[in-house]
Amino acid sequence: MTYIWEKLANNFNIKKGKYMQRTQIYFEPDTLSELKSIAKELNISVSEFIRRVVKVEIKKRKKRSLNNFLKEMKPIESFSNIDATEYIEDIRRNSRIIYE
């Protein structure tokens, strides 16, 4: 039995300890029909389509969260009157690394 599972895991590129977990989702008939249609167009299963959509949404949320965090950041008081671009360019000009 272990051999069969390992062979399946290798075929589906599943890493040990990172198995998928089963869940159940209820959809309205129209929505499910559209999901099936899109998945068929993409030549993937409905489950795979849902996984991809969910991953994209999670990435968007993480990005929005990071962007909101960065927007709320305020410079340290000692840097409040310094242009960040000019400051970085000055560091680069005085660096030991020679840029061509």
Foldseek 3Di string as FASTA:
>chain_A
DVVVVVVVCVVVVNDPPRDDDDDDDDDDPVVVVVLCVVCVVVVHDSVVVVVVVVVVVVVVVVVVVVVVVVVPDDDDPVCNPPDPVVVVVVCVVPDPDDDD
